[in-house]
Amino acid sequence: MAARGAAPESAAKKRKRAILLIEALNGLYSEADCTLDFTDPLQLLISTQLAAQCTDERVNQVTQELYKKYRSAGDFAAADIAELENDIRSTGFFRNKARNIIGCCRMLVAEYGGEVPSTMEALLKLPGVGRKTANLVLGDAFGVPGVVVDTHAGRLARRMGLSAHKDPEKVERDLMEALPKGSWTRFCHQLVLHGRAVCTARKAMCSRCALSGNCPKIDVEPK
C-alpha cells in the first residue's frame, strides 16, 4: 500500500508515467468508446443525463423506446412531464431528470434552433448539464477532446498518482495537464472499462493488471 504524504512528483515525471499508462491501456482497450447508445448529439446529451446514478445498460434499455417516441428537442420540450417521468422511471431520480430534460430541450429550441451546441460554455448553460456531461458530449458527439471524470476515472486517477484530489473538476484539470490532449476522450473511456474489470472500487487486482508496473498504487491494498 502506497503511503500518504510522499513527496510530490514533478509534472514532467507524471506526464512520462501517463504516457506509459496510455500505451498499456491502448493495448487492453484499443476500441474503447462511449457505452451509451446514441445516433446524434441530442440523444447522447439526454442519455448522459439519464445515466446519473444509473447504469449505462439500463439507460440503453430505456432509450430504445424513448428515442422512437421523442425524436427531436422539440418533442422533449413539448412533453408532458408526468408522461416523461413514467417513460424514464426505471433510471431513478426520474422526476428531477424529466424536469431537467424538458428544461434543457426548451432552451435548445429557444436559443439554438433545436440543435445541441458544441462549446463547453454553451453546454454548461443547459439545465442538468455539468462538466462531466458536457465533456462527454463534446468528445463523443463532436470530436472535441474532453476529460470525463466519473467515479471510475476519479478513483483510478488517484490510484495511478495522476491526481490527489476527489473533486471532479480538480481531477479533470490534473488529467488535462498530465495527458496529451488527443488522448483525453479515449483515456477516460478506458479508465471506466478498467475500473469495472480490474481496478474496482472494492479492491485493486494488481496481480492481474497490465498497468501494475507503471502504477504507484496509491492508497490501495493490491490483490
C-alpha atoms as a PDB file:
ATOM      1  CA  MET A   1       0.000   0.000   0.000  1.00  0.00           C
ATOM      2  CA  ALA A   2       1.489   3.337  -1.040  1.00  0.00           C
ATOM      3  CA  ALA A   3       1.996   5.718   1.824  1.00  0.00           C
ATOM      4  CA  ARG A   4       0.309   9.060   2.138  1.00  0.00           C
ATOM      5  CA  GLY A   5       2.395  12.181   2.377  1.00  0.00           C
ATOM      6  CA  ALA A   6       5.012  11.139  -0.185  1.00  0.00           C
ATOM      7  CA  ALA A   7       6.955  13.930  -1.856  1.00  0.00           C
ATOM      8  CA  PRO A   8       5.025  15.433  -4.802  1.00  0.00           C
ATOM      9  CA  GLU A   9       6.115  14.309  -8.258  1.00  0.00           C
ATOM     10  CA  SER A  10       7.281  16.756 -10.865  1.00  0.00           C
ATOM     11  CA  ALA A  11       4.860  17.454 -13.688  1.00  0.00           C
ATOM     12  CA  ALA A  12       7.357  16.011 -16.174  1.00  0.00           C
ATOM     13  CA  LYS A  13       7.610  12.719 -14.287  1.00  0.00           C
ATOM     14  CA  LYS A  14       3.839  12.481 -14.036  1.00  0.00           C
ATOM     15  CA  ARG A  15       3.445  13.103 -17.765  1.00  0.00           C
ATOM     16  CA  LYS A  16       6.049  10.447 -18.532  1.00  0.00           C
ATOM     17  CA  ARG A  17       4.173   7.868 -16.453  1.00  0.00           C
ATOM     18  CA  ALA A  18       0.896   8.932 -18.036  1.00  0.00           C
ATOM     19  CA  ILE A  19       2.290   8.087 -21.482  1.00  0.00           C
ATOM     20  CA  LEU A  20       3.239   4.599 -20.289  1.00  0.00           C
ATOM     21  CA  LEU A  21      -0.230   4.105 -18.814  1.00  0.00           C
ATOM     22  CA  ILE A  22      -1.827   5.253 -22.071  1.00  0.00           C
ATOM     23  CA  GLU A  23       0.250   2.742 -24.021  1.00  0.00           C
ATOM     24  CA  ALA A  24      -0.805  -0.082 -21.690  1.00  0.00           C
ATOM     25  CA  LEU A  25      -4.472   0.912 -21.811  1.00  0.00           C
ATOM     26  CA  ASN A  26      -4.348   1.142 -25.607  1.00  0.00           C
ATOM     27  CA  GLY A  27      -3.144  -2.434 -25.647  1.00  0.00           C
ATOM     28  CA  LEU A  28      -6.020  -3.539 -23.436  1.00  0.00           C
ATOM     29  CA  TYR A  29      -8.868  -1.394 -24.728  1.00  0.00           C
ATOM     30  CA  SER A  30      -7.927  -0.203 -28.192  1.00  0.00           C
ATOM     31  CA  GLU A  31     -11.574   0.160 -29.215  1.00  0.00           C
ATOM     32  CA  ALA A  32     -12.786   1.828 -26.014  1.00  0.00           C
ATOM     33  CA  ASP A  33     -15.757   4.063 -26.726  1.00  0.00           C
ATOM     34  CA  CYS A  34     -18.811   5.540 -25.074  1.00  0.00           C
ATOM     35  CA  THR A  35     -21.031   2.749 -23.760  1.00  0.00           C
ATOM     36  CA  LEU A  36     -24.230   4.760 -24.168  1.00  0.00           C
ATOM     37  CA  ASP A  37     -26.184   4.118 -27.366  1.00  0.00           C
ATOM     38  CA  PHE A  38     -26.821   7.248 -29.449  1.00  0.00           C
ATOM     39  CA  THR A  39     -27.114   8.365 -33.053  1.00  0.00           C
ATOM     40  CA  ASP A  40     -26.813  12.146 -32.656  1.00  0.00           C
ATOM     41  CA  PRO A  41     -25.671  14.762 -30.105  1.00  0.00           C
ATOM     42  CA  LEU A  42     -29.175  15.211 -28.663  1.00  0.00           C
ATOM     43  CA  GLN A  43     -29.512  11.524 -27.854  1.00  0.00           C
ATOM     44  CA  LEU A  44     -26.104  11.477 -26.183  1.00  0.00           C
ATOM     45  CA  LEU A  45     -26.998  14.590 -24.183  1.00  0.00           C
ATOM     46  CA  ILE A  46     -30.254  13.029 -22.949  1.00  0.00           C
ATOM     47  CA  SER A  47     -28.714   9.613 -22.294  1.00  0.00           C
ATOM     48  CA  THR A  48     -25.900  11.124 -20.275  1.00  0.00           C
ATOM     49  CA  GLN A  49     -28.400  12.925 -18.062  1.00  0.00           C
ATOM     50  CA  LEU A  50     -30.343   9.687 -17.602  1.00  0.00           C
ATOM     51  CA  ALA A  51     -27.130   7.850 -16.684  1.00  0.00           C
ATOM     52  CA  ALA A  52     -26.690   9.798 -13.443  1.00  0.00           C
ATOM     53  CA  GLN A  53     -26.901   7.225 -10.630  1.00  0.00           C
ATOM     54  CA  CYS A  54     -27.891   4.594 -13.188  1.00  0.00           C
ATOM     55  CA  THR A  55     -26.055   2.008 -15.272  1.00  0.00           C
ATOM     56  CA  ASP A  56     -25.438   2.605 -18.958  1.00  0.00           C
ATOM     57  CA  GLU A  57     -27.016  -0.781 -19.640  1.00  0.00           C
ATOM     58  CA  ARG A  58     -30.298   0.290 -18.051  1.00  0.00           C
ATOM     59  CA  VAL A  59     -30.229   3.639 -19.860  1.00  0.00           C
ATOM     60  CA  ASN A  60     -29.732   1.877 -23.199  1.00  0.00           C
ATOM     61  CA  GLN A  61     -32.734  -0.333 -22.486  1.00  0.00           C
ATOM     62  CA  VAL A  62     -34.904   2.693 -21.708  1.00  0.00           C
ATOM     63  CA  THR A  63     -33.781   4.779 -24.665  1.00  0.00           C
ATOM     64  CA  GLN A  64     -34.560   2.074 -27.218  1.00  0.00           C
ATOM     65  CA  GLU A  65     -38.214   3.113 -26.962  1.00  0.00           C
ATOM     66  CA  LEU A  66     -37.676   6.655 -25.676  1.00  0.00           C
ATOM     67  CA  TYR A  67     -35.996   7.843 -28.868  1.00  0.00           C
ATOM     68  CA  LYS A  68     -38.743   6.362 -31.005  1.00  0.00           C
ATOM     69  CA  LYS A  69     -41.275   8.446 -29.084  1.00  0.00           C
ATOM     70  CA  TYR A  70     -39.258  11.655 -28.769  1.00  0.00           C
ATOM     71  CA  ARG A  71     -37.301  12.300 -31.953  1.00  0.00           C
ATOM     72  CA  SER A  72     -36.198  15.910 -31.516  1.00  0.00           C
ATOM     73  CA  ALA A  73     -35.512  18.581 -28.943  1.00  0.00           C
ATOM     74  CA  GLY A  74     -38.926  19.974 -29.802  1.00  0.00           C
ATOM     75  CA  ASP A  75     -40.575  16.669 -28.897  1.00  0.00           C
ATOM     76  CA  PHE A  76     -38.895  16.627 -25.493  1.00  0.00           C
ATOM     77  CA  ALA A  77     -39.622  20.326 -24.950  1.00  0.00           C
ATOM     78  CA  ALA A  78     -43.333  19.724 -25.532  1.00  0.00           C
ATOM     79  CA  ALA A  79     -43.504  16.523 -23.466  1.00  0.00           C
ATOM     80  CA  ASP A  80     -45.994  16.075 -20.671  1.00  0.00           C
ATOM     81  CA  ILE A  81     -43.785  15.888 -17.600  1.00  0.00           C
ATOM     82  CA  ALA A  82     -45.781  13.119 -15.901  1.00  0.00           C
ATOM     83  CA  GLU A  83     -45.619  11.016 -19.065  1.00  0.00           C
ATOM     84  CA  LEU A  84     -41.881  11.580 -19.473  1.00  0.00           C
ATOM     85  CA  GLU A  85     -41.340  10.704 -15.815  1.00  0.00           C
ATOM     86  CA  ASN A  86     -43.070   7.401 -16.417  1.00  0.00           C
ATOM     87  CA  ASP A  87     -41.045   6.782 -19.567  1.00  0.00           C
ATOM     88  CA  ILE A  88     -37.731   7.143 -17.689  1.00  0.00           C
ATOM     89  CA  ARG A  89     -38.830   5.922 -14.247  1.00  0.00           C
ATOM     90  CA  SER A  90     -36.529   2.898 -14.160  1.00  0.00           C
ATOM     91  CA  THR A  91     -33.407   5.094 -14.464  1.00  0.00           C
ATOM     92  CA  GLY A  92     -34.015   6.516 -10.984  1.00  0.00           C
ATOM     93  CA  PHE A  93     -34.405  10.142  -9.847  1.00  0.00           C
ATOM     94  CA  PHE A  94     -36.910  10.342 -12.698  1.00  0.00           C
ATOM     95  CA  ARG A  95     -38.702  13.489 -11.525  1.00  0.00           C
ATOM     96  CA  ASN A  96     -35.571  15.591 -11.433  1.00  0.00           C
ATOM     97  CA  LYS A  97     -34.291  14.065 -14.684  1.00  0.00           C
ATOM     98  CA  ALA A  98     -37.567  14.713 -16.509  1.00  0.00           C
ATOM     99  CA  ARG A  99     -37.639  18.319 -15.327  1.00  0.00           C
ATOM    100  CA  ASN A 100     -34.066  18.894 -16.468  1.00  0.00           C
ATOM    101  CA  ILE A 101     -34.564  17.203 -19.829  1.00  0.00           C
ATOM    102  CA  ILE A 102     -37.627  19.289 -20.631  1.00  0.00           C
ATOM    103  CA  GLY A 103     -35.923  22.480 -19.462  1.00  0.00           C
ATOM    104  CA  CYS A 104     -32.776  21.633 -21.397  1.00  0.00           C
ATOM    105  CA  CYS A 105     -34.674  20.954 -24.611  1.00  0.00           C
ATOM    106  CA  ARG A 106     -36.781  24.077 -24.266  1.00  0.00           C
ATOM    107  CA  MET A 107     -33.552  26.070 -24.121  1.00  0.00           C
ATOM    108  CA  LEU A 108     -32.190  24.191 -27.128  1.00  0.00           C
ATOM    109  CA  VAL A 109     -35.303  25.081 -29.100  1.00  0.00           C
ATOM    110  CA  ALA A 110     -35.407  28.707 -27.945  1.00  0.00           C
ATOM    111  CA  GLU A 111     -31.708  29.538 -28.272  1.00  0.00           C
ATOM    112  CA  TYR A 112     -30.090  27.011 -30.609  1.00  0.00           C
ATOM    113  CA  GLY A 113     -32.742  26.087 -33.142  1.00  0.00           C
ATOM    114  CA  GLY A 114     -33.194  22.699 -31.515  1.00  0.00           C
ATOM    115  CA  GLU A 115     -29.554  21.757 -32.053  1.00  0.00           C
ATOM    116  CA  VAL A 116     -27.046  20.820 -29.346  1.00  0.00           C
ATOM    117  CA  PRO A 117     -24.271  23.444 -29.103  1.00  0.00           C
ATOM    118  CA  SER A 118     -20.682  22.325 -29.472  1.00  0.00           C
ATOM    119  CA  THR A 119     -18.930  24.510 -26.889  1.00  0.00           C
ATOM    120  CA  MET A 120     -18.362  23.956 -23.185  1.00  0.00           C
ATOM    121  CA  GLU A 121     -19.667  27.425 -22.348  1.00  0.00           C
ATOM    122  CA  ALA A 122     -22.980  26.886 -24.112  1.00  0.00           C
ATOM    123  CA  LEU A 123     -23.486  23.340 -22.842  1.00  0.00           C
ATOM    124  CA  LEU A 124     -22.974  24.370 -19.214  1.00  0.00           C
ATOM    125  CA  LYS A 125     -25.879  26.823 -19.500  1.00  0.00           C
ATOM    126  CA  LEU A 126     -28.309  23.982 -20.181  1.00  0.00           C
ATOM    127  CA  PRO A 127     -30.365  22.655 -17.235  1.00  0.00           C
ATOM    128  CA  GLY A 128     -28.964  19.429 -15.822  1.00  0.00           C
ATOM    129  CA  VAL A 129     -25.628  19.721 -17.658  1.00  0.00           C
ATOM    130  CA  GLY A 130     -22.365  19.790 -15.719  1.00  0.00           C
ATOM    131  CA  ARG A 131     -18.784  19.423 -16.875  1.00  0.00           C
ATOM    132  CA  LYS A 132     -18.919  15.614 -16.944  1.00  0.00           C
ATOM    133  CA  THR A 133     -21.898  15.623 -19.319  1.00  0.00           C
ATOM    134  CA  ALA A 134     -20.515  18.479 -21.388  1.00  0.00           C
ATOM    135  CA  ASN A 135     -17.121  16.811 -21.833  1.00  0.00           C
ATOM    136  CA  LEU A 136     -18.752  13.536 -22.859  1.00  0.00           C
ATOM    137  CA  VAL A 137     -20.937  15.243 -25.457  1.00  0.00           C
ATOM    138  CA  LEU A 138     -18.023  17.278 -26.786  1.00  0.00           C
ATOM    139  CA  GLY A 139     -15.717  14.280 -27.035  1.00  0.00           C
ATOM    140  CA  ASP A 140     -18.072  11.656 -28.409  1.00  0.00           C
ATOM    141  CA  ALA A 141     -20.566  13.703 -30.425  1.00  0.00           C
ATOM    142  CA  PHE A 142     -18.328  16.498 -31.739  1.00  0.00           C
ATOM    143  CA  GLY A 143     -14.795  15.104 -31.606  1.00  0.00           C
ATOM    144  CA  VAL A 144     -13.628  17.853 -29.247  1.00  0.00           C
ATOM    145  CA  PRO A 145     -11.222  16.315 -26.700  1.00  0.00           C
ATOM    146  CA  GLY A 146     -12.637  16.326 -23.176  1.00  0.00           C
ATOM    147  CA  VAL A 147     -11.789  14.742 -19.837  1.00  0.00           C
ATOM    148  CA  VAL A 148     -14.813  12.950 -18.389  1.00  0.00           C
ATOM    149  CA  VAL A 149     -14.402  12.308 -14.679  1.00  0.00           C
ATOM    150  CA  ASP A 150     -16.863   9.763 -13.315  1.00  0.00           C
ATOM    151  CA  THR A 151     -16.342   7.650 -10.186  1.00  0.00           C
ATOM    152  CA  HIS A 152     -14.136   5.154 -12.048  1.00  0.00           C
ATOM    153  CA  ALA A 153     -11.935   7.797 -13.671  1.00  0.00           C
ATOM    154  CA  GLY A 154     -11.554   9.683 -10.403  1.00  0.00           C
ATOM    155  CA  ARG A 155     -10.657   6.561  -8.430  1.00  0.00           C
ATOM    156  CA  LEU A 156      -8.113   5.319 -10.979  1.00  0.00           C
ATOM    157  CA  ALA A 157      -6.572   8.763 -11.450  1.00  0.00           C
ATOM    158  CA  ARG A 158      -5.832   8.839  -7.715  1.00  0.00           C
ATOM    159  CA  ARG A 159      -4.539   5.258  -7.592  1.00  0.00           C
ATOM    160  CA  MET A 160      -2.298   5.924 -10.576  1.00  0.00           C
ATOM    161  CA  GLY A 161      -0.937   9.064  -8.978  1.00  0.00           C
ATOM    162  CA  LEU A 162      -2.259  11.346 -11.706  1.00  0.00           C
ATOM    163  CA  SER A 163      -4.326  13.349  -9.232  1.00  0.00           C
ATOM    164  CA  ALA A 164      -4.518  13.655  -5.473  1.00  0.00           C
ATOM    165  CA  HIS A 165      -7.981  15.210  -5.496  1.00  0.00           C
ATOM    166  CA  LYS A 166     -11.517  13.918  -5.022  1.00  0.00           C
ATOM    167  CA  ASP A 167     -13.231  16.960  -6.504  1.00  0.00           C
ATOM    168  CA  PRO A 168     -14.041  16.009 -10.139  1.00  0.00           C
ATOM    169  CA  GLU A 169     -13.104  19.410 -11.546  1.00  0.00           C
ATOM    170  CA  LYS A 170      -9.683  19.268  -9.886  1.00  0.00           C
ATOM    171  CA  VAL A 171      -9.160  15.731 -11.165  1.00  0.00           C
ATOM    172  CA  GLU A 172     -10.149  16.952 -14.627  1.00  0.00           C
ATOM    173  CA  ARG A 173      -7.548  19.722 -14.502  1.00  0.00           C
ATOM    174  CA  ASP A 174      -4.856  17.310 -13.312  1.00  0.00           C
ATOM    175  CA  LEU A 175      -5.584  14.852 -16.122  1.00  0.00           C
ATOM    176  CA  MET A 176      -5.613  17.641 -18.704  1.00  0.00           C
ATOM    177  CA  GLU A 177      -2.143  18.620 -17.536  1.00  0.00           C
ATOM    178  CA  ALA A 178      -0.757  15.077 -17.424  1.00  0.00           C
ATOM    179  CA  LEU A 179      -2.231  13.648 -20.643  1.00  0.00           C
ATOM    180  CA  PRO A 180      -1.698  14.565 -24.292  1.00  0.00           C
ATOM    181  CA  LYS A 181      -4.856  16.349 -25.462  1.00  0.00           C
ATOM    182  CA  GLY A 182      -5.539  13.869 -28.215  1.00  0.00           C
ATOM    183  CA  SER A 183      -5.835  11.048 -25.666  1.00  0.00           C
ATOM    184  CA  TRP A 184      -8.321  12.706 -23.301  1.00  0.00           C
ATOM    185  CA  THR A 185     -11.596  11.226 -24.545  1.00  0.00           C
ATOM    186  CA  ARG A 186     -10.432   7.647 -25.120  1.00  0.00           C
ATOM    187  CA  PHE A 187      -8.333   7.552 -21.929  1.00  0.00           C
ATOM    188  CA  CYS A 188     -11.380   8.283 -19.802  1.00  0.00           C
ATOM    189  CA  HIS A 189     -13.402   5.561 -21.552  1.00  0.00           C
ATOM    190  CA  GLN A 190     -10.508   3.186 -20.943  1.00  0.00           C
ATOM    191  CA  LEU A 191     -10.431   4.064 -17.247  1.00  0.00           C
ATOM    192  CA  VAL A 192     -14.124   3.211 -16.976  1.00  0.00           C
ATOM    193  CA  LEU A 193     -13.588  -0.211 -18.562  1.00  0.00           C
ATOM    194  CA  HIS A 194     -10.516  -0.915 -16.441  1.00  0.00           C
ATOM    195  CA  GLY A 195     -12.249   0.312 -13.304  1.00  0.00           C
ATOM    196  CA  ARG A 196     -15.115  -2.074 -13.875  1.00  0.00           C
ATOM    197  CA  ALA A 197     -12.996  -5.094 -14.790  1.00  0.00           C
ATOM    198  CA  VAL A 198      -9.746  -4.898 -12.790  1.00  0.00           C
ATOM    199  CA  CYS A 199      -9.212  -1.807 -10.632  1.00  0.00           C
ATOM    200  CA  THR A 200     -12.582  -1.982  -8.916  1.00  0.00           C
ATOM    201  CA  ALA A 201     -13.865   0.121  -6.047  1.00  0.00           C
ATOM    202  CA  ARG A 202     -13.791  -2.850  -3.668  1.00  0.00           C
ATOM    203  CA  LYS A 203     -10.258  -3.931  -4.491  1.00  0.00           C
ATOM    204  CA  ALA A 204      -7.448  -3.308  -6.933  1.00  0.00           C
ATOM    205  CA  MET A 205      -6.486  -6.599  -8.556  1.00  0.00           C
ATOM    206  CA  CYS A 206      -2.881  -5.573  -9.161  1.00  0.00           C
ATOM    207  CA  SER A 207      -1.596  -9.138  -9.658  1.00  0.00           C
ATOM    208  CA  ARG A 208      -3.594  -9.403 -12.896  1.00  0.00           C
ATOM    209  CA  CYS A 209      -3.229  -5.780 -14.016  1.00  0.00           C
ATOM    210  CA  ALA A 210      -1.180  -4.922 -17.100  1.00  0.00           C
ATOM    211  CA  LEU A 211      -0.653  -1.422 -15.708  1.00  0.00           C
ATOM    212  CA  SER A 212       0.860  -2.598 -12.443  1.00  0.00           C
ATOM    213  CA  GLY A 213       4.480  -1.909 -13.374  1.00  0.00           C
ATOM    214  CA  ASN A 214       3.798   1.767 -14.039  1.00  0.00           C
ATOM    215  CA  CYS A 215       1.159   2.392 -11.378  1.00  0.00           C
ATOM    216  CA  PRO A 216       2.230   3.623  -7.916  1.00  0.00           C
ATOM    217  CA  LYS A 217      -0.894   2.016  -6.375  1.00  0.00           C
ATOM    218  CA  ILE A 218      -1.715   4.997  -4.204  1.00  0.00           C
ATOM    219  CA  ASP A 219      -3.704   4.076  -1.086  1.00  0.00           C
ATOM    220  CA  VAL A 220      -4.724   0.598  -2.212  1.00  0.00           C
ATOM    221  CA  GLU A 221      -4.107  -2.899  -0.891  1.00  0.00           C
ATOM    222  CA  PRO A 222      -3.090  -4.799  -4.029  1.00  0.00           C
ATOM    223  CA  LYS A 223      -4.720  -8.220  -4.506  1.00  0.00           C
END
